[in-house]
């Protein structure tokens, strides 16, 4: 594909030329080269940082999960910007966005949709729920009952919803951005293993540094930075970027390294439940997206190592001995990564 020579504008993504302009205006996903991913994704990261200052690594990881066709769980204490981050990511992409405030009385049909009888046609018709969007923002997901949480299992894993025996496909891209409070116990329901396993990564924003917090006091007392954000991409562009990420090369030794990490979690004496095969797949997908964001068309073992903690830690269950010793899942994954030998990529001759 011939690369565009002009500078990209806000409504024309990087890597688009005249030959793909029709596809752009029609909303279909043109074919992008792997080299186009980094500049296009950087625009999204930079835009999100206008609302979340001083959290570059976390923001970059969120965009990585988006391009890896995954879902993101944001867990942190109240008031550090979990919902702001999710809304900023949604605002940066001009696509359909729906938000659910999870509460104990929320029903599964409130998420997926419901079949309603139409007296005019004497038949049932399906009323889609908020899950039928490109980006689904779930506030305080652990406040919903297990029955309602389970309504997300099918759509997160298979990108579809089944209601009254009928299957409805979800439009790509589809990503669930869910937040939860790790310290509040009353009125919450811990996410089951099956639910956590469907989240590609879990991140924590943490408290801002002193300079960023002072800047926030100056900038956000008179205006809302979210309202000022403009979209720098759209659904068609994201679909094209995701397709390009799939073409990132992965050497066999890197695949072996991913499986070695997953197997190590299953054999570790302080881990009761290790990482699933889905975890291995998600780790490889995010490593491919991270490599593309770094401007490479191949994955390094370092990409896998860097992502092991956010991708694997929330999926494992420590054994009783580890819990008594105060060992967190993050500590166990760090121990596993340190003990697993890093492979060397074969050099080209």
C-alpha atoms as a PDB file:
ATOM      1  CA  UNK A   1       0.000   0.000   0.000  1.00  0.00           C
ATOM      2  CA  UNK A   2       1.343   3.417  -0.919  1.00  0.00           C
ATOM      3  CA  UNK A   3       1.812   5.522   2.173  1.00  0.00           C
ATOM      4  CA  UNK A   4       0.212   8.938   2.399  1.00  0.00           C
ATOM      5  CA  UNK A   5       2.716  11.749   1.931  1.00  0.00           C
ATOM      6  CA  UNK A   6       0.676  14.476   3.545  1.00  0.00           C
ATOM      7  CA  UNK A   7       0.531  15.040   7.281  1.00  0.00           C
ATOM      8  CA  UNK A   8      -2.315  13.176   9.005  1.00  0.00           C
ATOM      9  CA  UNK A   9      -5.293  15.203  10.086  1.00  0.00           C
ATOM     10  CA  UNK A  10      -7.666  14.640  12.950  1.00  0.00           C
ATOM     11  CA  UNK A  11     -10.209  12.952  10.658  1.00  0.00           C
ATOM     12  CA  UNK A  12      -7.839  10.913   8.528  1.00  0.00           C
ATOM     13  CA  UNK A  13      -5.739   8.288  10.312  1.00  0.00           C
ATOM     14  CA  UNK A  14      -2.036   7.730   9.781  1.00  0.00           C
ATOM     15  CA  UNK A  15      -1.286   5.372   6.921  1.00  0.00           C
ATOM     16  CA  UNK A  16      -4.330   6.223   4.792  1.00  0.00           C
ATOM     17  CA  UNK A  17      -3.889   7.181   1.161  1.00  0.00           C
ATOM     18  CA  UNK A  18      -6.240   8.118  -1.680  1.00  0.00           C
ATOM     19  CA  UNK A  19      -6.812   4.482  -2.551  1.00  0.00           C
ATOM     20  CA  UNK A  20      -8.379   3.857   0.844  1.00  0.00           C
ATOM     21  CA  UNK A  21     -10.317   7.109   1.206  1.00  0.00           C
ATOM     22  CA  UNK A  22     -13.529   5.479  -0.003  1.00  0.00           C
ATOM     23  CA  UNK A  23     -13.186   2.744   2.591  1.00  0.00           C
ATOM     24  CA  UNK A  24     -12.573   5.393   5.251  1.00  0.00           C
ATOM     25  CA  UNK A  25     -15.687   7.399   4.450  1.00  0.00           C
ATOM     26  CA  UNK A  26     -17.839   4.286   4.122  1.00  0.00           C
ATOM     27  CA  UNK A  27     -16.799   3.059   7.583  1.00  0.00           C
ATOM     28  CA  UNK A  28     -15.145  -0.163   6.420  1.00  0.00           C
ATOM     29  CA  UNK A  29     -11.698  -1.089   7.685  1.00  0.00           C
ATOM     30  CA  UNK A  30      -8.894  -0.511   5.154  1.00  0.00           C
ATOM     31  CA  UNK A  31      -5.743  -2.586   5.295  1.00  0.00           C
ATOM     32  CA  UNK A  32      -2.933  -0.949   7.254  1.00  0.00           C
ATOM     33  CA  UNK A  33       0.708  -1.934   7.481  1.00  0.00           C
ATOM     34  CA  UNK A  34       2.245  -2.894  10.814  1.00  0.00           C
ATOM     35  CA  UNK A  35       4.360   0.268  10.565  1.00  0.00           C
ATOM     36  CA  UNK A  36       1.157   2.351  10.707  1.00  0.00           C
ATOM     37  CA  UNK A  37       0.199   1.055  14.155  1.00  0.00           C
ATOM     38  CA  UNK A  38       2.675   2.980  16.319  1.00  0.00           C
ATOM     39  CA  UNK A  39       1.863   6.523  15.093  1.00  0.00           C
ATOM     40  CA  UNK A  40      -1.898   5.905  15.098  1.00  0.00           C
ATOM     41  CA  UNK A  41      -1.855   4.344  18.575  1.00  0.00           C
ATOM     42  CA  UNK A  42       0.407   7.092  19.922  1.00  0.00           C
ATOM     43  CA  UNK A  43      -2.218   9.656  18.944  1.00  0.00           C
ATOM     44  CA  UNK A  44      -4.748   7.801  21.099  1.00  0.00           C
ATOM     45  CA  UNK A  45      -2.319   7.557  24.032  1.00  0.00           C
ATOM     46  CA  UNK A  46      -1.435  11.254  23.832  1.00  0.00           C
ATOM     47  CA  UNK A  47      -5.098  12.196  23.711  1.00  0.00           C
ATOM     48  CA  UNK A  48      -5.952  10.157  26.798  1.00  0.00           C
ATOM     49  CA  UNK A  49      -3.035  11.747  28.673  1.00  0.00           C
ATOM     50  CA  UNK A  50      -4.743  15.103  28.348  1.00  0.00           C
ATOM     51  CA  UNK A  51      -7.236  13.822  30.945  1.00  0.00           C
ATOM     52  CA  UNK A  52      -4.957  11.458  32.909  1.00  0.00           C
ATOM     53  CA  UNK A  53      -1.621  13.161  33.529  1.00  0.00           C
ATOM     54  CA  UNK A  54       1.482  11.330  34.669  1.00  0.00           C
ATOM     55  CA  UNK A  55       0.194   7.818  33.904  1.00  0.00           C
ATOM     56  CA  UNK A  56       1.828   7.145  30.543  1.00  0.00           C
ATOM     57  CA  UNK A  57       2.648   3.469  31.160  1.00  0.00           C
ATOM     58  CA  UNK A  58      -0.876   2.677  32.351  1.00  0.00           C
ATOM     59  CA  UNK A  59      -2.486   4.535  29.452  1.00  0.00           C
ATOM     60  CA  UNK A  60      -0.212   2.764  26.974  1.00  0.00           C
ATOM     61  CA  UNK A  61      -1.150  -0.592  28.455  1.00  0.00           C
ATOM     62  CA  UNK A  62      -4.834   0.251  28.074  1.00  0.00           C
ATOM     63  CA  UNK A  63      -4.374   0.998  24.368  1.00  0.00           C
ATOM     64  CA  UNK A  64      -2.322  -2.193  24.039  1.00  0.00           C
ATOM     65  CA  UNK A  65      -5.245  -4.215  25.405  1.00  0.00           C
ATOM     66  CA  UNK A  66      -7.595  -2.470  22.973  1.00  0.00           C
ATOM     67  CA  UNK A  67      -5.432  -3.444  19.986  1.00  0.00           C
ATOM     68  CA  UNK A  68      -5.081  -6.986  21.348  1.00  0.00           C
ATOM     69  CA  UNK A  69      -8.882  -7.435  21.172  1.00  0.00           C
ATOM     70  CA  UNK A  70      -9.029  -7.743  24.941  1.00  0.00           C
ATOM     71  CA  UNK A  71     -10.886  -6.400  27.944  1.00  0.00           C
ATOM     72  CA  UNK A  72      -9.504  -4.294  30.768  1.00  0.00           C
ATOM     73  CA  UNK A  73     -10.163  -4.443  34.512  1.00  0.00           C
ATOM     74  CA  UNK A  74      -9.200  -1.247  36.353  1.00  0.00           C
ATOM     75  CA  UNK A  75      -8.869  -1.891  40.074  1.00  0.00           C
ATOM     76  CA  UNK A  76      -7.878   0.837  42.500  1.00  0.00           C
ATOM     77  CA  UNK A  77      -8.994   2.900  45.457  1.00  0.00           C
ATOM     78  CA  UNK A  78     -11.690   5.571  44.965  1.00  0.00           C
ATOM     79  CA  UNK A  79     -10.842   8.908  43.435  1.00  0.00           C
ATOM     80  CA  UNK A  80      -7.668   8.096  41.487  1.00  0.00           C
ATOM     81  CA  UNK A  81      -9.265   8.356  38.033  1.00  0.00           C
ATOM     82  CA  UNK A  82     -10.489   4.847  37.124  1.00  0.00           C
ATOM     83  CA  UNK A  83     -13.687   6.059  35.477  1.00  0.00           C
ATOM     84  CA  UNK A  84     -11.924   9.092  34.006  1.00  0.00           C
ATOM     85  CA  UNK A  85      -9.417   6.846  32.285  1.00  0.00           C
ATOM     86  CA  UNK A  86     -12.154   4.603  30.870  1.00  0.00           C
ATOM     87  CA  UNK A  87     -14.154   7.613  29.637  1.00  0.00           C
ATOM     88  CA  UNK A  88     -11.050   9.230  28.123  1.00  0.00           C
ATOM     89  CA  UNK A  89     -10.264   6.080  26.142  1.00  0.00           C
ATOM     90  CA  UNK A  90     -13.856   5.923  24.948  1.00  0.00           C
ATOM     91  CA  UNK A  91     -13.837   9.613  23.966  1.00  0.00           C
ATOM     92  CA  UNK A  92     -10.609   9.198  22.006  1.00  0.00           C
ATOM     93  CA  UNK A  93     -12.287   6.756  19.638  1.00  0.00           C
ATOM     94  CA  UNK A  94     -15.315   7.942  17.689  1.00  0.00           C
ATOM     95  CA  UNK A  95     -17.489   4.869  18.131  1.00  0.00           C
ATOM     96  CA  UNK A  96     -20.513   3.696  20.092  1.00  0.00           C
ATOM     97  CA  UNK A  97     -20.106   3.857  23.863  1.00  0.00           C
ATOM     98  CA  UNK A  98     -22.507   2.672  26.565  1.00  0.00           C
ATOM     99  CA  UNK A  99     -22.123   2.868  30.314  1.00  0.00           C
ATOM    100  CA  UNK A 100     -23.545   0.594  33.015  1.00  0.00           C
ATOM    101  CA  UNK A 101     -23.607   1.510  36.683  1.00  0.00           C
ATOM    102  CA  UNK A 102     -23.465  -1.917  38.303  1.00  0.00           C
ATOM    103  CA  UNK A 103     -25.715  -2.236  41.347  1.00  0.00           C
ATOM    104  CA  UNK A 104     -27.035  -5.234  43.333  1.00  0.00           C
ATOM    105  CA  UNK A 105     -30.487  -4.931  41.753  1.00  0.00           C
ATOM    106  CA  UNK A 106     -29.194  -4.919  38.166  1.00  0.00           C
ATOM    107  CA  UNK A 107     -30.610  -7.822  36.118  1.00  0.00           C
ATOM    108  CA  UNK A 108     -28.882  -9.778  33.317  1.00  0.00           C
ATOM    109  CA  UNK A 109     -31.474  -8.484  30.854  1.00  0.00           C
ATOM    110  CA  UNK A 110     -30.450  -4.934  31.802  1.00  0.00           C
ATOM    111  CA  UNK A 111     -27.051  -5.773  30.310  1.00  0.00           C
ATOM    112  CA  UNK A 112     -27.761  -8.017  27.325  1.00  0.00           C
ATOM    113  CA  UNK A 113     -31.252  -6.939  26.302  1.00  0.00           C
ATOM    114  CA  UNK A 114     -34.673  -8.549  26.375  1.00  0.00           C
ATOM    115  CA  UNK A 115     -37.340  -9.896  24.016  1.00  0.00           C
ATOM    116  CA  UNK A 116     -40.529  -7.823  24.192  1.00  0.00           C
ATOM    117  CA  UNK A 117     -43.912  -8.765  22.744  1.00  0.00           C
ATOM    118  CA  UNK A 118     -45.030  -6.429  19.962  1.00  0.00           C
ATOM    119  CA  UNK A 119     -48.807  -6.288  19.770  1.00  0.00           C
ATOM    120  CA  UNK A 120     -48.696  -4.813  16.241  1.00  0.00           C
ATOM    121  CA  UNK A 121     -46.814  -7.773  14.782  1.00  0.00           C
ATOM    122  CA  UNK A 122     -48.074 -10.330  17.335  1.00  0.00           C
ATOM    123  CA  UNK A 123     -44.490 -11.454  17.799  1.00  0.00           C
ATOM    124  CA  UNK A 124     -41.549 -10.937  20.105  1.00  0.00           C
ATOM    125  CA  UNK A 125     -38.847  -8.474  19.096  1.00  0.00           C
ATOM    126  CA  UNK A 126     -35.423  -8.077  20.625  1.00  0.00           C
ATOM    127  CA  UNK A 127     -34.529  -4.853  22.428  1.00  0.00           C
ATOM    128  CA  UNK A 128     -30.716  -4.666  22.570  1.00  0.00           C
ATOM    129  CA  UNK A 129     -29.081  -3.854  25.887  1.00  0.00           C
ATOM    130  CA  UNK A 130     -26.086  -1.585  26.514  1.00  0.00           C
ATOM    131  CA  UNK A 131     -23.684  -4.421  25.711  1.00  0.00           C
ATOM    132  CA  UNK A 132     -24.341  -3.704  22.023  1.00  0.00           C
ATOM    133  CA  UNK A 133     -21.673  -1.032  21.734  1.00  0.00           C
ATOM    134  CA  UNK A 134     -18.033  -0.847  20.713  1.00  0.00           C
ATOM    135  CA  UNK A 135     -16.953   0.236  24.196  1.00  0.00           C
ATOM    136  CA  UNK A 136     -18.821  -0.852  27.319  1.00  0.00           C
ATOM    137  CA  UNK A 137     -17.959   1.071  30.489  1.00  0.00           C
ATOM    138  CA  UNK A 138     -18.815  -0.912  33.611  1.00  0.00           C
ATOM    139  CA  UNK A 139     -18.639   1.117  36.824  1.00  0.00           C
ATOM    140  CA  UNK A 140     -18.024  -0.903  40.020  1.00  0.00           C
ATOM    141  CA  UNK A 141     -18.562  -4.271  38.343  1.00  0.00           C
ATOM    142  CA  UNK A 142     -18.185  -6.155  41.623  1.00  0.00           C
ATOM    143  CA  UNK A 143     -21.344  -4.512  42.994  1.00  0.00           C
ATOM    144  CA  UNK A 144     -23.533  -6.564  40.655  1.00  0.00           C
ATOM    145  CA  UNK A 145     -24.792 -10.000  41.678  1.00  0.00           C
ATOM    146  CA  UNK A 146     -22.987 -13.092  40.328  1.00  0.00           C
ATOM    147  CA  UNK A 147     -25.987 -13.764  38.073  1.00  0.00           C
ATOM    148  CA  UNK A 148     -25.626 -10.354  36.424  1.00  0.00           C
ATOM    149  CA  UNK A 149     -21.843 -10.658  36.219  1.00  0.00           C
ATOM    150  CA  UNK A 150     -22.329 -13.945  34.389  1.00  0.00           C
ATOM    151  CA  UNK A 151     -24.285 -12.110  31.671  1.00  0.00           C
ATOM    152  CA  UNK A 152     -20.950 -10.723  30.468  1.00  0.00           C
ATOM    153  CA  UNK A 153     -19.220 -14.101  30.120  1.00  0.00           C
ATOM    154  CA  UNK A 154     -20.492 -14.943  26.644  1.00  0.00           C
ATOM    155  CA  UNK A 155     -20.105 -11.481  25.147  1.00  0.00           C
ATOM    156  CA  UNK A 156     -16.553 -11.042  26.475  1.00  0.00           C
ATOM    157  CA  UNK A 157     -15.323 -14.430  25.253  1.00  0.00           C
ATOM    158  CA  UNK A 158     -17.309 -14.921  22.042  1.00  0.00           C
ATOM    159  CA  UNK A 159     -18.396 -11.405  21.014  1.00  0.00           C
ATOM    160  CA  UNK A 160     -22.025 -12.496  20.893  1.00  0.00           C
ATOM    161  CA  UNK A 161     -25.169 -12.558  23.027  1.00  0.00           C
ATOM    162  CA  UNK A 162     -27.757 -15.340  23.211  1.00  0.00           C
ATOM    163  CA  UNK A 163     -31.263 -14.345  24.316  1.00  0.00           C
ATOM    164  CA  UNK A 164     -34.238 -16.732  24.178  1.00  0.00           C
ATOM    165  CA  UNK A 165     -32.279 -19.110  21.959  1.00  0.00           C
ATOM    166  CA  UNK A 166     -31.406 -16.443  19.379  1.00  0.00           C
ATOM    167  CA  UNK A 167     -27.793 -15.402  18.834  1.00  0.00           C
ATOM    168  CA  UNK A 168     -26.828 -11.778  18.207  1.00  0.00           C
ATOM    169  CA  UNK A 169     -23.338 -10.796  17.079  1.00  0.00           C
ATOM    170  CA  UNK A 170     -21.534  -7.827  18.644  1.00  0.00           C
ATOM    171  CA  UNK A 171     -19.897  -5.326  16.321  1.00  0.00           C
ATOM    172  CA  UNK A 172     -16.100  -5.096  16.320  1.00  0.00           C
ATOM    173  CA  UNK A 173     -14.225  -3.601  17.981  1.00  0.00           C
ATOM    174  CA  UNK A 174     -15.712  -4.607  21.309  1.00  0.00           C
ATOM    175  CA  UNK A 175     -13.986  -3.937  24.619  1.00  0.00           C
ATOM    176  CA  UNK A 176     -15.236  -4.010  28.202  1.00  0.00           C
ATOM    177  CA  UNK A 177     -13.623  -1.435  30.496  1.00  0.00           C
ATOM    178  CA  UNK A 178     -14.648  -2.336  34.034  1.00  0.00           C
ATOM    179  CA  UNK A 179     -13.715  -0.677  37.322  1.00  0.00           C
ATOM    180  CA  UNK A 180     -13.810  -1.998  40.846  1.00  0.00           C
ATOM    181  CA  UNK A 181     -12.785  -0.923  44.340  1.00  0.00           C
ATOM    182  CA  UNK A 182     -10.342  -3.402  45.961  1.00  0.00           C
ATOM    183  CA  UNK A 183     -10.861  -2.360  49.575  1.00  0.00           C
ATOM    184  CA  UNK A 184     -14.641  -2.073  49.956  1.00  0.00           C
ATOM    185  CA  UNK A 185     -16.224  -5.394  50.958  1.00  0.00           C
ATOM    186  CA  UNK A 186     -19.786  -4.599  52.054  1.00  0.00           C
ATOM    187  CA  UNK A 187     -22.330  -4.833  49.231  1.00  0.00           C
ATOM    188  CA  UNK A 188     -19.841  -6.291  46.740  1.00  0.00           C
ATOM    189  CA  UNK A 189     -19.437  -9.676  45.083  1.00  0.00           C
ATOM    190  CA  UNK A 190     -15.923 -10.849  44.242  1.00  0.00           C
ATOM    191  CA  UNK A 191     -15.482 -11.624  40.568  1.00  0.00           C
ATOM    192  CA  UNK A 192     -15.419 -15.401  39.990  1.00  0.00           C
ATOM    193  CA  UNK A 193     -12.441 -17.069  38.337  1.00  0.00           C
ATOM    194  CA  UNK A 194     -14.259 -17.421  34.999  1.00  0.00           C
ATOM    195  CA  UNK A 195     -14.997 -13.694  34.931  1.00  0.00           C
ATOM    196  CA  UNK A 196     -11.457 -12.635  35.847  1.00  0.00           C
ATOM    197  CA  UNK A 197     -10.019 -14.959  33.230  1.00  0.00           C
ATOM    198  CA  UNK A 198     -11.910 -13.111  30.507  1.00  0.00           C
ATOM    199  CA  UNK A 199     -10.230  -9.818  31.369  1.00  0.00           C
ATOM    200  CA  UNK A 200      -7.034  -9.614  29.349  1.00  0.00           C
ATOM    201  CA  UNK A 201      -5.249  -7.427  31.891  1.00  0.00           C
ATOM    202  CA  UNK A 202      -5.767  -5.741  35.231  1.00  0.00           C
ATOM    203  CA  UNK A 203      -4.236  -2.363  35.930  1.00  0.00           C
ATOM    204  CA  UNK A 204      -4.039   0.023  38.851  1.00  0.00           C
ATOM    205  CA  UNK A 205      -3.650   3.747  38.310  1.00  0.00           C
ATOM    206  CA  UNK A 206      -2.195   4.536  41.703  1.00  0.00           C
ATOM    207  CA  UNK A 207      -1.920   7.993  43.236  1.00  0.00           C
ATOM    208  CA  UNK A 208      -0.514  10.751  40.998  1.00  0.00           C
ATOM    209  CA  UNK A 209       2.848  12.280  41.800  1.00  0.00           C
ATOM    210  CA  UNK A 210       2.954  15.654  43.533  1.00  0.00           C
ATOM    211  CA  UNK A 211       3.433  17.716  40.358  1.00  0.00           C
ATOM    212  CA  UNK A 212       0.566  15.967  38.544  1.00  0.00           C
ATOM    213  CA  UNK A 213      -1.790  16.428  41.493  1.00  0.00           C
ATOM    214  CA  UNK A 214      -0.960  20.136  41.768  1.00  0.00           C
ATOM    215  CA  UNK A 215      -1.544  20.529  38.025  1.00  0.00           C
ATOM    216  CA  UNK A 216      -4.896  18.765  38.426  1.00  0.00           C
ATOM    217  CA  UNK A 217      -5.955  21.278  41.070  1.00  0.00           C
ATOM    218  CA  UNK A 218      -5.238  24.073  38.617  1.00  0.00           C
ATOM    219  CA  UNK A 219      -6.724  22.505  35.489  1.00  0.00           C
ATOM    220  CA  UNK A 220      -9.787  20.630  36.717  1.00  0.00           C
ATOM    221  CA  UNK A 221     -11.356  23.135  39.108  1.00  0.00           C
ATOM    222  CA  UNK A 222     -12.681  25.292  36.265  1.00  0.00           C
ATOM    223  CA  UNK A 223     -13.317  22.730  33.505  1.00  0.00           C
ATOM    224  CA  UNK A 224     -13.737  19.018  32.863  1.00  0.00           C
ATOM    225  CA  UNK A 225     -10.891  17.663  30.681  1.00  0.00           C
ATOM    226  CA  UNK A 226     -13.109  14.806  29.483  1.00  0.00           C
ATOM    227  CA  UNK A 227     -15.556  17.230  27.884  1.00  0.00           C
ATOM    228  CA  UNK A 228     -12.705  18.865  25.970  1.00  0.00           C
ATOM    229  CA  UNK A 229     -11.360  15.642  24.459  1.00  0.00           C
ATOM    230  CA  UNK A 230     -11.860  15.146  20.743  1.00  0.00           C
ATOM    231  CA  UNK A 231     -11.828  11.792  18.961  1.00  0.00           C
ATOM    232  CA  UNK A 232      -8.547  11.014  17.197  1.00  0.00           C
ATOM    233  CA  UNK A 233      -9.650   7.665  15.758  1.00  0.00           C
ATOM    234  CA  UNK A 234     -12.790   5.702  15.016  1.00  0.00           C
ATOM    235  CA  UNK A 235     -14.110   2.148  14.928  1.00  0.00           C
ATOM    236  CA  UNK A 236     -12.989   1.506  11.340  1.00  0.00           C
ATOM    237  CA  UNK A 237      -9.459   2.613  12.166  1.00  0.00           C
ATOM    238  CA  UNK A 238      -9.310   0.464  15.297  1.00  0.00           C
ATOM    239  CA  UNK A 239     -10.485  -2.560  13.306  1.00  0.00           C
ATOM    240  CA  UNK A 240      -7.708  -1.911  10.801  1.00  0.00           C
ATOM    241  CA  UNK A 241      -5.142  -1.550  13.578  1.00  0.00           C
ATOM    242  CA  UNK A 242      -6.294  -4.795  15.200  1.00  0.00           C
ATOM    243  CA  UNK A 243      -5.991  -6.596  11.864  1.00  0.00           C
ATOM    244  CA  UNK A 244      -2.459  -5.222  11.454  1.00  0.00           C
ATOM    245  CA  UNK A 245      -1.495  -6.366  14.965  1.00  0.00           C
ATOM    246  CA  UNK A 246      -2.479  -9.912  14.028  1.00  0.00           C
ATOM    247  CA  UNK A 247       0.234  -9.897  11.366  1.00  0.00           C
ATOM    248  CA  UNK A 248       3.048  -9.171  13.851  1.00  0.00           C
ATOM    249  CA  UNK A 249       5.556 -12.047  13.677  1.00  0.00           C
ATOM    250  CA  UNK A 250       6.116 -14.317  16.675  1.00  0.00           C
ATOM    251  CA  UNK A 251       9.107 -16.682  16.701  1.00  0.00           C
ATOM    252  CA  UNK A 252       8.642 -20.217  17.990  1.00  0.00           C
ATOM    253  CA  UNK A 253      10.966 -19.604  20.949  1.00  0.00           C
ATOM    254  CA  UNK A 254       8.725 -16.727  22.081  1.00  0.00           C
ATOM    255  CA  UNK A 255       5.661 -18.973  21.937  1.00  0.00           C
ATOM    256  CA  UNK A 256       7.578 -21.547  23.982  1.00  0.00           C
ATOM    257  CA  UNK A 257       8.414 -18.817  26.517  1.00  0.00           C
ATOM    258  CA  UNK A 258       4.727 -17.854  26.868  1.00  0.00           C
ATOM    259  CA  UNK A 259       3.756 -21.469  27.528  1.00  0.00           C
ATOM    260  CA  UNK A 260       6.658 -21.907  29.963  1.00  0.00           C
ATOM    261  CA  UNK A 261       5.377 -18.989  32.048  1.00  0.00           C
ATOM    262  CA  UNK A 262       1.837 -20.380  32.055  1.00  0.00           C
ATOM    263  CA  UNK A 263       3.055 -23.865  32.997  1.00  0.00           C
ATOM    264  CA  UNK A 264       5.188 -22.415  35.789  1.00  0.00           C
ATOM    265  CA  UNK A 265       2.078 -20.903  37.407  1.00  0.00           C
ATOM    266  CA  UNK A 266       0.421 -24.324  37.368  1.00  0.00           C
ATOM    267  CA  UNK A 267       3.418 -26.066  38.978  1.00  0.00           C
ATOM    268  CA  UNK A 268       4.286 -23.404  41.563  1.00  0.00           C
ATOM    269  CA  UNK A 269       3.842 -24.805  45.094  1.00  0.00           C
ATOM    270  CA  UNK A 270       2.293 -21.560  46.340  1.00  0.00           C
ATOM    271  CA  UNK A 271      -0.318 -21.323  43.552  1.00  0.00           C
ATOM    272  CA  UNK A 272      -3.612 -23.212  43.918  1.00  0.00           C
ATOM    273  CA  UNK A 273      -4.988 -22.277  40.474  1.00  0.00           C
ATOM    274  CA  UNK A 274      -2.594 -21.381  37.676  1.00  0.00           C
ATOM    275  CA  UNK A 275      -3.021 -19.544  34.401  1.00  0.00           C
ATOM    276  CA  UNK A 276      -5.354 -21.018  31.798  1.00  0.00           C
ATOM    277  CA  UNK A 277      -4.640 -21.582  28.089  1.00  0.00           C
ATOM    278  CA  UNK A 278      -6.739 -18.468  27.487  1.00  0.00           C
ATOM    279  CA  UNK A 279      -4.208 -16.580  29.605  1.00  0.00           C
ATOM    280  CA  UNK A 280      -1.397 -17.797  27.325  1.00  0.00           C
ATOM    281  CA  UNK A 281      -3.329 -16.604  24.290  1.00  0.00           C
ATOM    282  CA  UNK A 282      -4.007 -13.204  25.833  1.00  0.00           C
ATOM    283  CA  UNK A 283      -0.370 -12.834  26.852  1.00  0.00           C
ATOM    284  CA  UNK A 284       0.769 -13.495  23.287  1.00  0.00           C
ATOM    285  CA  UNK A 285      -1.819 -11.135  21.795  1.00  0.00           C
ATOM    286  CA  UNK A 286      -0.864  -8.285  24.088  1.00  0.00           C
ATOM    287  CA  UNK A 287       2.820  -8.924  23.386  1.00  0.00           C
ATOM    288  CA  UNK A 288       2.122  -8.569  19.668  1.00  0.00           C
ATOM    289  CA  UNK A 289       0.265  -5.304  20.271  1.00  0.00           C
ATOM    290  CA  UNK A 290       3.073  -4.015  22.505  1.00  0.00           C
ATOM    291  CA  UNK A 291       5.651  -4.833  19.838  1.00  0.00           C
ATOM    292  CA  UNK A 292       3.609  -2.976  17.233  1.00  0.00           C
ATOM    293  CA  UNK A 293       3.295   0.065  19.517  1.00  0.00           C
ATOM    294  CA  UNK A 294       7.077   0.008  19.861  1.00  0.00           C
ATOM    295  CA  UNK A 295       7.399   0.171  16.068  1.00  0.00           C
ATOM    296  CA  UNK A 296       8.415  -3.465  15.556  1.00  0.00           C
ATOM    297  CA  UNK A 297       6.845  -6.144  13.366  1.00  0.00           C
ATOM    298  CA  UNK A 298       8.132  -8.958  15.599  1.00  0.00           C
ATOM    299  CA  UNK A 299       7.758  -9.860  19.281  1.00  0.00           C
ATOM    300  CA  UNK A 300      10.686  -9.910  21.693  1.00  0.00           C
ATOM    301  CA  UNK A 301      10.780 -12.031  24.869  1.00  0.00           C
ATOM    302  CA  UNK A 302      11.025  -8.706  26.719  1.00  0.00           C
ATOM    303  CA  UNK A 303       7.508  -7.843  25.499  1.00  0.00           C
ATOM    304  CA  UNK A 304       6.166 -11.019  27.077  1.00  0.00           C
ATOM    305  CA  UNK A 305       8.122 -10.510  30.293  1.00  0.00           C
ATOM    306  CA  UNK A 306       6.921  -6.916  30.663  1.00  0.00           C
ATOM    307  CA  UNK A 307       3.255  -7.927  30.275  1.00  0.00           C
ATOM    308  CA  UNK A 308       3.298 -11.081  32.398  1.00  0.00           C
ATOM    309  CA  UNK A 309       2.337  -9.236  35.594  1.00  0.00           C
ATOM    310  CA  UNK A 310      -0.762  -7.322  34.375  1.00  0.00           C
ATOM    311  CA  UNK A 311      -1.962 -10.247  32.228  1.00  0.00           C
ATOM    312  CA  UNK A 312      -1.399 -13.183  34.605  1.00  0.00           C
ATOM    313  CA  UNK A 313      -1.556 -11.910  38.204  1.00  0.00           C
ATOM    314  CA  UNK A 314      -5.342 -11.449  38.425  1.00  0.00           C
ATOM    315  CA  UNK A 315      -5.973 -14.960  37.051  1.00  0.00           C
ATOM    316  CA  UNK A 316      -4.096 -17.055  39.616  1.00  0.00           C
ATOM    317  CA  UNK A 317      -5.256 -18.063  43.101  1.00  0.00           C
ATOM    318  CA  UNK A 318      -2.564 -18.305  45.771  1.00  0.00           C
ATOM    319  CA  UNK A 319      -2.425 -21.435  47.904  1.00  0.00           C
ATOM    320  CA  UNK A 320      -3.254 -21.270  51.608  1.00  0.00           C
ATOM    321  CA  UNK A 321       0.436 -21.226  52.510  1.00  0.00           C
ATOM    322  CA  UNK A 322       1.019 -18.158  50.339  1.00  0.00           C
ATOM    323  CA  UNK A 323      -2.029 -16.391  51.790  1.00  0.00           C
ATOM    324  CA  UNK A 324      -0.866 -17.028  55.343  1.00  0.00           C
ATOM    325  CA  UNK A 325       2.594 -15.743  54.431  1.00  0.00           C
ATOM    326  CA  UNK A 326       1.052 -12.577  52.973  1.00  0.00           C
ATOM    327  CA  UNK A 327       2.224 -13.312  49.437  1.00  0.00           C
ATOM    328  CA  UNK A 328       0.151 -11.501  46.801  1.00  0.00           C
ATOM    329  CA  UNK A 329      -0.520 -12.856  43.286  1.00  0.00           C
ATOM    330  CA  UNK A 330       1.706 -10.077  41.940  1.00  0.00           C
ATOM    331  CA  UNK A 331       4.604 -11.290  44.077  1.00  0.00           C
ATOM    332  CA  UNK A 332       4.098 -14.868  42.908  1.00  0.00           C
ATOM    333  CA  UNK A 333       4.064 -13.871  39.236  1.00  0.00           C
ATOM    334  CA  UNK A 334       7.186 -11.753  39.715  1.00  0.00           C
ATOM    335  CA  UNK A 335       8.873 -14.768  41.304  1.00  0.00           C
ATOM    336  CA  UNK A 336       7.829 -16.995  38.405  1.00  0.00           C
ATOM    337  CA  UNK A 337       9.070 -14.517  35.794  1.00  0.00           C
ATOM    338  CA  UNK A 338      12.414 -14.208  37.594  1.00  0.00           C
ATOM    339  CA  UNK A 339      12.837 -17.996  37.718  1.00  0.00           C
ATOM    340  CA  UNK A 340      11.855 -18.691  34.091  1.00  0.00           C
ATOM    341  CA  UNK A 341      14.763 -18.472  31.683  1.00  0.00           C
ATOM    342  CA  UNK A 342      14.421 -15.925  28.878  1.00  0.00           C
ATOM    343  CA  UNK A 343      15.017 -17.374  25.413  1.00  0.00           C
ATOM    344  CA  UNK A 344      17.352 -15.895  22.832  1.00  0.00           C
ATOM    345  CA  UNK A 345      15.918 -15.119  19.425  1.00  0.00           C
ATOM    346  CA  UNK A 346      17.693 -16.828  16.529  1.00  0.00           C
ATOM    347  CA  UNK A 347      19.789 -14.399  14.493  1.00  0.00           C
ATOM    348  CA  UNK A 348      19.248 -14.112  10.765  1.00  0.00           C
ATOM    349  CA  UNK A 349      22.062 -15.445   8.594  1.00  0.00           C
END
